[in-house]
Amino acid sequence: MRTSWLITSGILFACMWAAAQDYYGGAYVDNRASTVAEGYARGMADVAQAAGQYNLMTSQAAINMTQAQRNAIENRDQWTNTYFQMRQANKQYRTAERAPRANMETLIRYAQAGKPQQLSPSELDTVTGAVSWPTPLRSDTLQSHRETLDKLFAARARQGTLNFEQQNEVDAATKAILADLQSRISSLSPSDYTRSKKFMESLTFAARQPAA
C-alpha cells in the first residue's frame, strides 16, 4: 500500500514539473561541458576557429601590403620620369643659352635674303621715276601695262610713296606682264626670261618702298 502511494506521488510530481516547464518557457540549459572529452572537443574547435580568423586577417594584410607596394612603385616611377623630363628640358635650355646669338647684321642679312634685288638707278630713275624696260618686256602687247607703270612710278617720284589704290594698280599691271612673259617662255632664252622676271619682281617691291 505504501509502495503504491509513493509511485503515484512520483508520477504526479513529474507531471506537475513538465507543466511548469511548458508554462515558464522550458528548462535552463547549461552549455558547459559535462565531460572531459566534450571539453577537449570544444577547445579544439575554438583553436581551429581562431586559426581561421588569423589566416583571414593575415591574408587581408598581405593584400593591403601588396597594394601599398604597387602604389609606392608607381609613385616612384612617376617621380623618376618627371625627374628625367625636367633634366632633359634643363639640358635643352642650357644648350640654347650657350648657342651664339645672331647679331643685328646677321638678322638684317637673313631678312634681306628673301627680298628681290633693288633696281639700279639706270633701271629705275630715283628722281623722275622713269623705268628702263628690258628688251623682252618691250613688246607691243605689253605697251598699255608699261604705260600704266610708267605713270605710277612717276607719281611715286613726285609724291614720295604710292597710296593703297596705286599699289593695287601696280600689282595688276605686274601680274599681267608676268603672265605674258610666262606664255612666251618657250620663245625666250633662259637668261632673258630669268632677268625679265626678276626685273618685274624688283619693280613690284620698289612700288611698296618710299622713293629715295
N, C-alpha and C. Protein backbone atom coordinates (compact mmCIF):
# COMPACT_ATOMS: atom_id res chain seq x y z
N MET A 1 0.83 -1.20 0.00
CA MET A 1 0.00 0.00 0.00
C MET A 1 0.87 1.25 0.00
N ARG A 2 1.85 1.21 0.83
CA ARG A 2 2.78 2.35 0.92
C ARG A 2 3.53 2.50 -0.39
N THR A 3 3.89 1.44 -1.02
CA THR A 3 4.63 1.48 -2.30
C THR A 3 3.79 2.10 -3.39
N SER A 4 2.53 1.76 -3.45
CA SER A 4 1.63 2.33 -4.46
C SER A 4 1.50 3.83 -4.28
N TRP A 5 1.47 4.26 -3.05
CA TRP A 5 1.34 5.72 -2.79
C TRP A 5 2.57 6.46 -3.25
N LEU A 6 3.74 5.89 -3.06
CA LEU A 6 4.98 6.54 -3.50
C LEU A 6 5.05 6.65 -5.02
N ILE A 7 4.63 5.60 -5.70
CA ILE A 7 4.64 5.62 -7.17
C ILE A 7 3.70 6.68 -7.69
N THR A 8 2.52 6.71 -7.10
CA THR A 8 1.52 7.70 -7.53
C THR A 8 2.02 9.11 -7.29
N SER A 9 2.65 9.34 -6.15
CA SER A 9 3.18 10.68 -5.83
C SER A 9 4.28 11.07 -6.81
N GLY A 10 5.10 10.12 -7.19
CA GLY A 10 6.20 10.41 -8.14
C GLY A 10 5.68 10.79 -9.51
N ILE A 11 4.65 10.05 -9.95
CA ILE A 11 4.07 10.37 -11.27
C ILE A 11 3.44 11.74 -11.25
N LEU A 12 2.72 12.05 -10.17
CA LEU A 12 2.07 13.35 -10.05
C LEU A 12 3.10 14.48 -10.04
N PHE A 13 4.20 14.31 -9.38
CA PHE A 13 5.25 15.35 -9.32
C PHE A 13 5.90 15.56 -10.70
N ALA A 14 6.09 14.46 -11.41
CA ALA A 14 6.68 14.56 -12.75
C ALA A 14 5.78 15.32 -13.69
N CYS A 15 4.46 15.08 -13.59
CA CYS A 15 3.51 15.79 -14.46
C CYS A 15 3.49 17.27 -14.14
N MET A 16 3.51 17.59 -12.84
CA MET A 16 3.50 18.99 -12.44
C MET A 16 4.79 19.69 -12.90
N TRP A 17 5.88 19.03 -12.83
CA TRP A 17 7.17 19.62 -13.27
C TRP A 17 7.20 19.89 -14.78
N ALA A 18 6.65 18.96 -15.56
CA ALA A 18 6.59 19.14 -17.01
C ALA A 18 5.70 20.30 -17.37
N ALA A 19 4.54 20.42 -16.66
CA ALA A 19 3.63 21.53 -16.93
C ALA A 19 4.28 22.85 -16.60
N ALA A 20 5.01 22.88 -15.53
CA ALA A 20 5.69 24.12 -15.13
C ALA A 20 6.76 24.51 -16.15
N GLN A 21 7.44 23.55 -16.72
CA GLN A 21 8.45 23.86 -17.74
C GLN A 21 7.81 24.43 -18.99
N ASP A 22 6.64 23.87 -19.40
CA ASP A 22 5.93 24.39 -20.58
C ASP A 22 5.44 25.80 -20.34
N TYR A 23 5.00 26.08 -19.14
CA TYR A 23 4.43 27.39 -18.81
C TYR A 23 5.50 28.47 -18.75
N TYR A 24 6.66 28.16 -18.19
CA TYR A 24 7.71 29.16 -17.99
C TYR A 24 8.77 29.18 -19.11
N GLY A 25 8.56 28.48 -20.21
CA GLY A 25 9.47 28.59 -21.36
C GLY A 25 10.56 27.57 -21.40
N GLY A 26 10.50 26.51 -20.75
CA GLY A 26 11.49 25.46 -20.88
C GLY A 26 12.50 25.51 -19.78
N ALA A 27 13.24 24.48 -19.69
CA ALA A 27 14.22 24.35 -18.61
C ALA A 27 15.50 25.08 -18.95
N TYR A 28 16.28 25.48 -18.00
CA TYR A 28 17.58 26.12 -18.15
C TYR A 28 18.56 25.13 -18.74
N VAL A 29 19.30 25.58 -19.81
CA VAL A 29 20.26 24.70 -20.49
C VAL A 29 21.65 25.15 -20.12
N ASP A 30 22.44 24.27 -19.66
CA ASP A 30 23.82 24.55 -19.28
C ASP A 30 24.73 24.10 -20.41
N ASN A 31 25.43 25.08 -21.08
CA ASN A 31 26.29 24.76 -22.22
C ASN A 31 27.67 24.31 -21.81
N ARG A 32 27.94 24.32 -20.56
CA ARG A 32 29.26 23.87 -20.14
C ARG A 32 29.43 22.39 -20.39
N ALA A 33 30.68 22.03 -20.70
CA ALA A 33 30.96 20.61 -21.00
C ALA A 33 30.67 19.77 -19.77
N SER A 34 30.00 18.70 -20.04
CA SER A 34 29.66 17.81 -18.93
C SER A 34 30.70 16.74 -18.72
N THR A 35 31.59 16.56 -19.78
CA THR A 35 32.62 15.53 -19.66
C THR A 35 33.95 16.10 -20.11
N VAL A 36 35.03 15.43 -19.81
CA VAL A 36 36.37 15.84 -20.23
C VAL A 36 36.51 15.79 -21.75
N ALA A 37 35.95 14.76 -22.37
CA ALA A 37 36.04 14.61 -23.83
C ALA A 37 35.34 15.74 -24.54
N GLU A 38 34.12 16.10 -23.99
CA GLU A 38 33.38 17.20 -24.61
C GLU A 38 34.15 18.50 -24.46
N GLY A 39 34.78 18.74 -23.33
CA GLY A 39 35.57 19.95 -23.11
C GLY A 39 36.76 20.01 -24.05
N TYR A 40 37.40 18.89 -24.27
CA TYR A 40 38.55 18.84 -25.18
C TYR A 40 38.12 19.15 -26.61
N ALA A 41 36.96 18.57 -27.02
CA ALA A 41 36.46 18.79 -28.37
C ALA A 41 36.12 20.26 -28.59
N ARG A 42 35.47 20.85 -27.56
CA ARG A 42 35.13 22.27 -27.71
C ARG A 42 36.39 23.14 -27.75
N GLY A 43 37.39 22.82 -27.02
CA GLY A 43 38.65 23.57 -27.03
C GLY A 43 39.33 23.50 -28.38
N MET A 44 39.34 22.32 -28.99
CA MET A 44 39.95 22.17 -30.31
C MET A 44 39.18 22.98 -31.36
N ALA A 45 37.84 23.01 -31.22
CA ALA A 45 37.03 23.79 -32.16
C ALA A 45 37.35 25.27 -32.05
N ASP A 46 37.51 25.75 -30.82
CA ASP A 46 37.85 27.17 -30.62
C ASP A 46 39.22 27.49 -31.21
N VAL A 47 40.17 26.58 -31.03
CA VAL A 47 41.51 26.79 -31.60
C VAL A 47 41.45 26.86 -33.13
N ALA A 48 40.66 25.96 -33.74
CA ALA A 48 40.54 25.95 -35.20
C ALA A 48 39.91 27.24 -35.70
N GLN A 49 38.87 27.72 -34.97
CA GLN A 49 38.22 28.96 -35.37
C GLN A 49 39.18 30.14 -35.27
N ALA A 50 39.97 30.18 -34.20
CA ALA A 50 40.94 31.26 -34.03
C ALA A 50 42.00 31.21 -35.13
N ALA A 51 42.44 30.01 -35.50
CA ALA A 51 43.42 29.88 -36.57
C ALA A 51 42.87 30.38 -37.90
N GLY A 52 41.59 30.07 -38.16
CA GLY A 52 40.96 30.55 -39.39
C GLY A 52 40.88 32.07 -39.43
N GLN A 53 40.50 32.67 -38.32
CA GLN A 53 40.45 34.13 -38.24
C GLN A 53 41.83 34.74 -38.46
N TYR A 54 42.85 34.11 -37.90
CA TYR A 54 44.22 34.61 -38.05
C TYR A 54 44.66 34.55 -39.51
N ASN A 55 44.36 33.41 -40.15
CA ASN A 55 44.74 33.27 -41.56
C ASN A 55 44.02 34.31 -42.43
N LEU A 56 42.73 34.55 -42.14
CA LEU A 56 41.97 35.53 -42.91
C LEU A 56 42.56 36.93 -42.75
N MET A 57 42.86 37.30 -41.51
CA MET A 57 43.43 38.62 -41.25
C MET A 57 44.82 38.76 -41.86
N THR A 58 45.61 37.67 -41.80
CA THR A 58 46.95 37.70 -42.39
C THR A 58 46.88 37.87 -43.91
N SER A 59 45.93 37.16 -44.54
CA SER A 59 45.77 37.26 -45.99
C SER A 59 45.35 38.68 -46.39
N GLN A 60 44.41 39.24 -45.63
CA GLN A 60 43.95 40.60 -45.93
C GLN A 60 45.09 41.60 -45.77
N ALA A 61 45.89 41.41 -44.74
CA ALA A 61 47.03 42.30 -44.52
C ALA A 61 48.04 42.19 -45.67
N ALA A 62 48.24 40.96 -46.17
CA ALA A 62 49.16 40.77 -47.29
C ALA A 62 48.65 41.47 -48.55
N ILE A 63 47.32 41.39 -48.78
CA ILE A 63 46.73 42.06 -49.93
C ILE A 63 46.92 43.56 -49.83
N ASN A 64 46.64 44.10 -48.64
CA ASN A 64 46.79 45.54 -48.43
C ASN A 64 48.25 45.96 -48.60
N MET A 65 49.18 45.14 -48.11
CA MET A 65 50.59 45.47 -48.24
C MET A 65 51.02 45.45 -49.71
N THR A 66 50.50 44.46 -50.45
CA THR A 66 50.84 44.37 -51.87
C THR A 66 50.35 45.61 -52.62
N GLN A 67 49.12 46.05 -52.33
CA GLN A 67 48.58 47.25 -52.97
C GLN A 67 49.41 48.47 -52.61
N ALA A 68 49.83 48.55 -51.36
CA ALA A 68 50.67 49.67 -50.93
C ALA A 68 52.01 49.66 -51.67
N GLN A 69 52.56 48.46 -51.85
CA GLN A 69 53.82 48.35 -52.57
C GLN A 69 53.66 48.78 -54.03
N ARG A 70 52.54 48.37 -54.65
CA ARG A 70 52.29 48.78 -56.03
C ARG A 70 52.17 50.29 -56.15
N ASN A 71 51.44 50.88 -55.22
CA ASN A 71 51.30 52.34 -55.23
C ASN A 71 52.65 53.02 -55.07
N ALA A 72 53.47 52.46 -54.18
CA ALA A 72 54.79 53.06 -53.96
C ALA A 72 55.65 52.96 -55.21
N ILE A 73 55.57 51.82 -55.91
CA ILE A 73 56.35 51.64 -57.14
C ILE A 73 55.88 52.60 -58.23
N GLU A 74 54.54 52.73 -58.37
CA GLU A 74 54.00 53.65 -59.37
C GLU A 74 54.41 55.09 -59.07
N ASN A 75 54.34 55.47 -57.81
CA ASN A 75 54.74 56.82 -57.44
C ASN A 75 56.22 57.06 -57.72
N ARG A 76 57.04 56.04 -57.44
CA ARG A 76 58.47 56.17 -57.68
C ARG A 76 58.76 56.27 -59.18
N ASP A 77 58.06 55.47 -59.99
CA ASP A 77 58.25 55.53 -61.44
C ASP A 77 57.83 56.89 -61.99
N GLN A 78 56.69 57.39 -61.51
CA GLN A 78 56.23 58.69 -61.97
C GLN A 78 57.22 59.79 -61.59
N TRP A 79 57.72 59.72 -60.39
CA TRP A 79 58.70 60.72 -59.95
C TRP A 79 59.97 60.64 -60.79
N THR A 80 60.39 59.41 -61.11
CA THR A 80 61.61 59.23 -61.91
C THR A 80 61.43 59.82 -63.31
N ASN A 81 60.27 59.53 -63.93
CA ASN A 81 60.01 60.07 -65.27
C ASN A 81 59.99 61.59 -65.26
N THR A 82 59.34 62.15 -64.25
CA THR A 82 59.29 63.61 -64.14
C THR A 82 60.68 64.19 -63.96
N TYR A 83 61.49 63.52 -63.17
CA TYR A 83 62.85 63.99 -62.91
C TYR A 83 63.66 64.04 -64.20
N PHE A 84 63.60 62.96 -64.99
CA PHE A 84 64.40 62.93 -66.22
C PHE A 84 63.84 63.89 -67.27
N GLN A 85 62.53 64.09 -67.30
CA GLN A 85 61.96 65.08 -68.22
C GLN A 85 62.45 66.48 -67.87
N MET A 86 62.50 66.78 -66.58
CA MET A 86 63.00 68.09 -66.15
C MET A 86 64.48 68.24 -66.50
N ARG A 87 65.25 67.17 -66.34
CA ARG A 87 66.67 67.23 -66.69
C ARG A 87 66.85 67.48 -68.19
N GLN A 88 66.02 66.80 -69.01
CA GLN A 88 66.12 66.99 -70.46
C GLN A 88 65.76 68.42 -70.85
N ALA A 89 64.69 68.94 -70.25
CA ALA A 89 64.30 70.32 -70.55
C ALA A 89 65.38 71.30 -70.12
N ASN A 90 65.99 71.04 -68.97
CA ASN A 90 67.06 71.92 -68.49
C ASN A 90 68.28 71.86 -69.42
N LYS A 91 68.58 70.64 -69.91
CA LYS A 91 69.71 70.49 -70.82
C LYS A 91 69.47 71.25 -72.12
N GLN A 92 68.26 71.15 -72.66
CA GLN A 92 67.94 71.86 -73.89
C GLN A 92 68.03 73.37 -73.68
N TYR A 93 67.56 73.82 -72.52
CA TYR A 93 67.62 75.25 -72.23
C TYR A 93 69.06 75.73 -72.16
N ARG A 94 69.91 74.96 -71.47
CA ARG A 94 71.32 75.36 -71.35
C ARG A 94 72.02 75.35 -72.71
N THR A 95 71.67 74.36 -73.55
CA THR A 95 72.26 74.31 -74.88
C THR A 95 71.87 75.53 -75.70
N ALA A 96 70.59 75.90 -75.59
CA ALA A 96 70.14 77.09 -76.32
C ALA A 96 70.81 78.35 -75.80
N GLU A 97 71.05 78.39 -74.50
CA GLU A 97 71.70 79.56 -73.92
C GLU A 97 73.16 79.68 -74.37
N ARG A 98 73.81 78.53 -74.56
CA ARG A 98 75.22 78.55 -74.97
C ARG A 98 75.39 78.85 -76.46
N ALA A 99 74.31 78.68 -77.24
CA ALA A 99 74.41 78.91 -78.69
C ALA A 99 74.67 80.38 -78.97
N PRO A 100 75.49 80.67 -79.97
CA PRO A 100 75.78 82.07 -80.29
C PRO A 100 74.53 82.79 -80.77
N ARG A 101 74.31 83.97 -80.26
CA ARG A 101 73.15 84.75 -80.64
C ARG A 101 73.45 85.53 -81.93
N ALA A 102 72.44 85.60 -82.78
CA ALA A 102 72.61 86.35 -84.03
C ALA A 102 72.65 87.84 -83.73
N ASN A 103 73.64 88.53 -84.29
CA ASN A 103 73.71 89.98 -84.10
C ASN A 103 72.77 90.67 -85.09
N MET A 104 72.67 91.97 -84.97
CA MET A 104 71.74 92.73 -85.81
C MET A 104 72.08 92.61 -87.28
N GLU A 105 73.35 92.60 -87.62
CA GLU A 105 73.75 92.49 -89.03
C GLU A 105 73.30 91.15 -89.61
N THR A 106 73.44 90.09 -88.80
CA THR A 106 73.01 88.77 -89.27
C THR A 106 71.51 88.74 -89.49
N LEU A 107 70.76 89.33 -88.56
CA LEU A 107 69.30 89.35 -88.70
C LEU A 107 68.89 90.13 -89.95
N ILE A 108 69.56 91.25 -90.19
CA ILE A 108 69.24 92.04 -91.39
C ILE A 108 69.56 91.25 -92.65
N ARG A 109 70.68 90.53 -92.62
CA ARG A 109 71.06 89.73 -93.79
C ARG A 109 70.03 88.63 -94.06
N TYR A 110 69.56 87.98 -92.96
CA TYR A 110 68.53 86.95 -93.12
C TYR A 110 67.24 87.56 -93.69
N ALA A 111 66.89 88.74 -93.21
CA ALA A 111 65.64 89.37 -93.66
C ALA A 111 65.72 89.78 -95.12
N GLN A 112 66.90 90.18 -95.55
CA GLN A 112 67.06 90.65 -96.92
C GLN A 112 67.30 89.51 -97.91
N ALA A 113 67.59 88.33 -97.38
CA ALA A 113 67.92 87.21 -98.28
C ALA A 113 66.74 86.86 -99.18
N GLY A 114 65.51 87.02 -98.65
CA GLY A 114 64.35 86.66 -99.46
C GLY A 114 63.78 87.82 -100.25
N LYS A 115 64.37 88.98 -100.16
CA LYS A 115 63.85 90.15 -100.88
C LYS A 115 64.34 90.16 -102.33
N PRO A 116 63.55 90.74 -103.21
CA PRO A 116 64.05 90.95 -104.59
C PRO A 116 65.20 91.94 -104.59
N GLN A 117 66.07 91.80 -105.55
CA GLN A 117 67.21 92.72 -105.65
C GLN A 117 66.74 94.12 -106.01
N GLN A 118 67.33 95.12 -105.38
CA GLN A 118 66.96 96.50 -105.65
C GLN A 118 67.40 96.92 -107.05
N LEU A 119 66.51 97.63 -107.74
CA LEU A 119 66.84 98.09 -109.10
C LEU A 119 67.89 99.20 -109.04
N SER A 120 68.75 99.20 -110.01
CA SER A 120 69.79 100.25 -110.08
C SER A 120 69.17 101.55 -110.59
N PRO A 121 69.82 102.70 -110.37
CA PRO A 121 69.30 103.99 -110.89
C PRO A 121 69.13 104.00 -112.40
N SER A 122 69.91 103.19 -113.10
CA SER A 122 69.75 103.13 -114.55
C SER A 122 68.49 102.35 -114.94
N GLU A 123 68.03 101.47 -114.06
CA GLU A 123 66.81 100.70 -114.33
C GLU A 123 65.57 101.45 -113.86
N LEU A 124 65.68 102.14 -112.72
CA LEU A 124 64.58 102.94 -112.19
C LEU A 124 65.16 104.26 -111.68
N ASP A 125 64.87 105.32 -112.41
CA ASP A 125 65.41 106.64 -112.04
C ASP A 125 64.78 107.09 -110.73
N THR A 126 65.63 107.37 -109.76
CA THR A 126 65.12 107.75 -108.44
C THR A 126 64.57 109.17 -108.41
N VAL A 127 64.90 110.00 -109.40
CA VAL A 127 64.44 111.40 -109.43
C VAL A 127 63.15 111.54 -110.22
N THR A 128 63.14 110.98 -111.43
CA THR A 128 61.97 111.13 -112.31
C THR A 128 61.00 109.95 -112.23
N GLY A 129 61.51 108.78 -111.80
CA GLY A 129 60.67 107.59 -111.76
C GLY A 129 60.60 106.87 -113.09
N ALA A 130 61.44 107.27 -114.04
CA ALA A 130 61.44 106.63 -115.36
C ALA A 130 61.95 105.20 -115.25
N VAL A 131 61.27 104.29 -115.96
CA VAL A 131 61.61 102.86 -115.93
C VAL A 131 62.31 102.51 -117.24
N SER A 132 63.45 101.83 -117.13
CA SER A 132 64.17 101.34 -118.31
C SER A 132 63.83 99.86 -118.47
N TRP A 133 62.96 99.56 -119.44
CA TRP A 133 62.43 98.21 -119.59
C TRP A 133 63.41 97.29 -120.32
N PRO A 134 63.57 96.04 -119.84
CA PRO A 134 64.39 95.06 -120.57
C PRO A 134 63.76 94.76 -121.93
N THR A 135 64.58 94.35 -122.85
CA THR A 135 64.11 94.10 -124.22
C THR A 135 62.93 93.14 -124.29
N PRO A 136 62.93 91.98 -123.58
CA PRO A 136 61.79 91.06 -123.68
C PRO A 136 60.47 91.66 -123.21
N LEU A 137 60.52 92.79 -122.46
CA LEU A 137 59.28 93.39 -121.94
C LEU A 137 58.84 94.60 -122.76
N ARG A 138 59.45 94.81 -123.93
CA ARG A 138 59.11 95.97 -124.76
C ARG A 138 58.17 95.61 -125.91
N SER A 139 57.55 94.47 -125.85
CA SER A 139 56.64 94.06 -126.93
C SER A 139 55.40 94.94 -126.94
N ASP A 140 54.78 95.03 -128.12
CA ASP A 140 53.59 95.87 -128.28
C ASP A 140 52.43 95.38 -127.41
N THR A 141 52.36 94.09 -127.19
CA THR A 141 51.25 93.55 -126.38
C THR A 141 51.30 94.04 -124.94
N LEU A 142 52.45 94.51 -124.50
CA LEU A 142 52.60 94.96 -123.11
C LEU A 142 52.63 96.48 -122.99
N GLN A 143 52.38 97.18 -124.11
CA GLN A 143 52.52 98.64 -124.09
C GLN A 143 51.60 99.30 -123.06
N SER A 144 50.33 98.88 -123.02
CA SER A 144 49.39 99.52 -122.09
C SER A 144 49.80 99.30 -120.63
N HIS A 145 50.31 98.12 -120.33
CA HIS A 145 50.74 97.84 -118.95
C HIS A 145 52.01 98.63 -118.61
N ARG A 146 52.89 98.79 -119.60
CA ARG A 146 54.11 99.58 -119.36
C ARG A 146 53.75 101.04 -119.09
N GLU A 147 52.82 101.56 -119.89
CA GLU A 147 52.42 102.96 -119.71
C GLU A 147 51.79 103.18 -118.33
N THR A 148 50.99 102.21 -117.89
CA THR A 148 50.38 102.32 -116.55
C THR A 148 51.46 102.40 -115.48
N LEU A 149 52.45 101.52 -115.58
CA LEU A 149 53.51 101.50 -114.57
C LEU A 149 54.39 102.75 -114.68
N ASP A 150 54.62 103.25 -115.88
CA ASP A 150 55.43 104.47 -116.04
C ASP A 150 54.76 105.64 -115.31
N LYS A 151 53.44 105.77 -115.47
CA LYS A 151 52.72 106.85 -114.80
C LYS A 151 52.76 106.70 -113.28
N LEU A 152 52.60 105.48 -112.82
CA LEU A 152 52.58 105.24 -111.37
C LEU A 152 53.94 105.53 -110.73
N PHE A 153 55.02 105.15 -111.39
CA PHE A 153 56.34 105.39 -110.80
C PHE A 153 56.74 106.86 -110.93
N ALA A 154 56.21 107.55 -111.93
CA ALA A 154 56.42 109.00 -112.00
C ALA A 154 55.70 109.67 -110.84
N ALA A 155 54.50 109.20 -110.52
CA ALA A 155 53.76 109.73 -109.37
C ALA A 155 54.49 109.41 -108.07
N ARG A 156 55.06 108.26 -107.99
CA ARG A 156 55.83 107.88 -106.78
C ARG A 156 57.00 108.83 -106.58
N ALA A 157 57.69 109.18 -107.68
CA ALA A 157 58.83 110.09 -107.57
C ALA A 157 58.38 111.46 -107.08
N ARG A 158 57.19 111.92 -107.50
CA ARG A 158 56.67 113.22 -107.08
C ARG A 158 56.14 113.17 -105.63
N GLN A 159 55.39 112.11 -105.32
CA GLN A 159 54.70 112.02 -104.03
C GLN A 159 55.59 111.48 -102.91
N GLY A 160 56.58 110.72 -103.29
CA GLY A 160 57.43 110.05 -102.30
C GLY A 160 57.01 108.61 -102.05
N THR A 161 55.69 108.35 -102.09
CA THR A 161 55.16 106.99 -101.92
C THR A 161 53.90 106.84 -102.77
N LEU A 162 53.46 105.62 -102.93
CA LEU A 162 52.20 105.33 -103.61
C LEU A 162 51.14 104.99 -102.56
N ASN A 163 49.90 105.42 -102.83
CA ASN A 163 48.83 105.07 -101.91
C ASN A 163 48.34 103.65 -102.18
N PHE A 164 47.35 103.22 -101.41
CA PHE A 164 46.87 101.83 -101.49
C PHE A 164 46.32 101.52 -102.88
N GLU A 165 45.52 102.40 -103.43
CA GLU A 165 44.93 102.15 -104.75
C GLU A 165 46.00 102.09 -105.83
N GLN A 166 46.97 102.97 -105.74
CA GLN A 166 48.06 102.97 -106.74
C GLN A 166 48.89 101.69 -106.66
N GLN A 167 49.12 101.20 -105.44
CA GLN A 167 49.86 99.94 -105.29
C GLN A 167 49.07 98.78 -105.89
N ASN A 168 47.74 98.81 -105.74
CA ASN A 168 46.91 97.76 -106.37
C ASN A 168 47.02 97.82 -107.89
N GLU A 169 47.10 99.02 -108.45
CA GLU A 169 47.27 99.16 -109.90
C GLU A 169 48.61 98.59 -110.34
N VAL A 170 49.64 98.83 -109.54
CA VAL A 170 50.96 98.26 -109.84
C VAL A 170 50.89 96.74 -109.84
N ASP A 171 50.22 96.18 -108.86
CA ASP A 171 50.10 94.72 -108.76
C ASP A 171 49.38 94.15 -109.98
N ALA A 172 48.30 94.78 -110.39
CA ALA A 172 47.52 94.28 -111.52
C ALA A 172 48.34 94.32 -112.81
N ALA A 173 49.03 95.42 -113.05
CA ALA A 173 49.84 95.54 -114.27
C ALA A 173 51.01 94.55 -114.25
N THR A 174 51.62 94.39 -113.08
CA THR A 174 52.75 93.47 -112.95
C THR A 174 52.32 92.03 -113.21
N LYS A 175 51.17 91.62 -112.67
CA LYS A 175 50.67 90.26 -112.89
C LYS A 175 50.40 90.02 -114.37
N ALA A 176 49.85 91.00 -115.04
CA ALA A 176 49.57 90.85 -116.47
C ALA A 176 50.86 90.68 -117.27
N ILE A 177 51.88 91.45 -116.93
CA ILE A 177 53.17 91.34 -117.64
C ILE A 177 53.82 89.98 -117.36
N LEU A 178 53.78 89.52 -116.12
CA LEU A 178 54.37 88.21 -115.78
C LEU A 178 53.63 87.07 -116.46
N ALA A 179 52.30 87.20 -116.58
CA ALA A 179 51.53 86.17 -117.28
C ALA A 179 51.91 86.11 -118.76
N ASP A 180 52.09 87.29 -119.38
CA ASP A 180 52.52 87.33 -120.78
C ASP A 180 53.92 86.74 -120.93
N LEU A 181 54.78 87.05 -119.98
CA LEU A 181 56.15 86.53 -120.03
C LEU A 181 56.14 85.01 -119.90
N GLN A 182 55.28 84.49 -119.06
CA GLN A 182 55.19 83.03 -118.88
C GLN A 182 54.68 82.36 -120.16
N SER A 183 53.78 83.02 -120.86
CA SER A 183 53.22 82.44 -122.09
C SER A 183 54.25 82.39 -123.22
N ARG A 184 55.31 83.22 -123.11
CA ARG A 184 56.34 83.27 -124.16
C ARG A 184 57.65 82.61 -123.72
N ILE A 185 57.57 81.79 -122.68
CA ILE A 185 58.79 81.22 -122.12
C ILE A 185 59.54 80.35 -123.12
N SER A 186 58.80 79.68 -124.01
CA SER A 186 59.47 78.79 -124.97
C SER A 186 60.22 79.57 -126.05
N SER A 187 59.83 80.82 -126.27
CA SER A 187 60.49 81.62 -127.31
C SER A 187 61.59 82.51 -126.74
N LEU A 188 61.81 82.48 -125.45
CA LEU A 188 62.83 83.30 -124.81
C LEU A 188 63.99 82.43 -124.34
N SER A 189 65.16 83.00 -124.33
CA SER A 189 66.30 82.28 -123.76
C SER A 189 66.14 82.24 -122.24
N PRO A 190 66.72 81.25 -121.60
CA PRO A 190 66.61 81.17 -120.14
C PRO A 190 67.10 82.43 -119.44
N SER A 191 68.17 83.02 -119.94
CA SER A 191 68.71 84.22 -119.28
C SER A 191 67.76 85.40 -119.44
N ASP A 192 67.16 85.58 -120.65
CA ASP A 192 66.22 86.68 -120.86
C ASP A 192 64.98 86.52 -119.99
N TYR A 193 64.48 85.28 -119.91
CA TYR A 193 63.28 85.03 -119.10
C TYR A 193 63.57 85.30 -117.63
N THR A 194 64.69 84.79 -117.15
CA THR A 194 65.03 84.96 -115.73
C THR A 194 65.26 86.43 -115.40
N ARG A 195 65.99 87.14 -116.26
CA ARG A 195 66.29 88.55 -116.00
C ARG A 195 65.01 89.39 -116.01
N SER A 196 64.10 89.09 -116.96
CA SER A 196 62.85 89.85 -117.06
C SER A 196 61.94 89.59 -115.86
N LYS A 197 61.90 88.35 -115.42
CA LYS A 197 61.05 88.01 -114.27
C LYS A 197 61.57 88.69 -113.00
N LYS A 198 62.88 88.64 -112.79
CA LYS A 198 63.47 89.28 -111.61
C LYS A 198 63.28 90.80 -111.66
N PHE A 199 63.33 91.37 -112.86
CA PHE A 199 63.12 92.81 -113.01
C PHE A 199 61.71 93.19 -112.54
N MET A 200 60.72 92.41 -112.94
CA MET A 200 59.34 92.71 -112.55
C MET A 200 59.13 92.52 -111.05
N GLU A 201 59.76 91.51 -110.49
CA GLU A 201 59.66 91.30 -109.04
C GLU A 201 60.29 92.47 -108.28
N SER A 202 61.42 92.96 -108.76
CA SER A 202 62.08 94.09 -108.11
C SER A 202 61.27 95.37 -108.28
N LEU A 203 60.62 95.53 -109.44
CA LEU A 203 59.80 96.72 -109.68
C LEU A 203 58.58 96.73 -108.75
N THR A 204 57.97 95.55 -108.57
CA THR A 204 56.83 95.45 -107.65
C THR A 204 57.24 95.76 -106.22
N PHE A 205 58.40 95.27 -105.83
CA PHE A 205 58.90 95.53 -104.48
C PHE A 205 59.20 97.02 -104.29
N ALA A 206 59.75 97.66 -105.32
CA ALA A 206 60.08 99.08 -105.23
C ALA A 206 58.83 99.93 -105.07
N ALA A 207 57.71 99.49 -105.65
CA ALA A 207 56.47 100.26 -105.55
C ALA A 207 55.99 100.38 -104.11
N ARG A 208 56.39 99.46 -103.26
CA ARG A 208 55.97 99.48 -101.85
C ARG A 208 56.97 100.23 -100.96
N GLN A 209 58.06 100.65 -101.54
CA GLN A 209 59.07 101.39 -100.78
C GLN A 209 58.98 102.88 -101.10
N PRO A 210 59.34 103.74 -100.16
CA PRO A 210 59.35 105.18 -100.47
C PRO A 210 60.45 105.51 -101.47
N ALA A 211 60.19 106.53 -102.26
CA ALA A 211 61.20 106.95 -103.25
C ALA A 211 62.42 107.51 -102.54
N ALA A 212 63.60 107.22 -103.07
CA ALA A 212 64.83 107.68 -102.42
C ALA A 212 64.99 109.18 -102.56
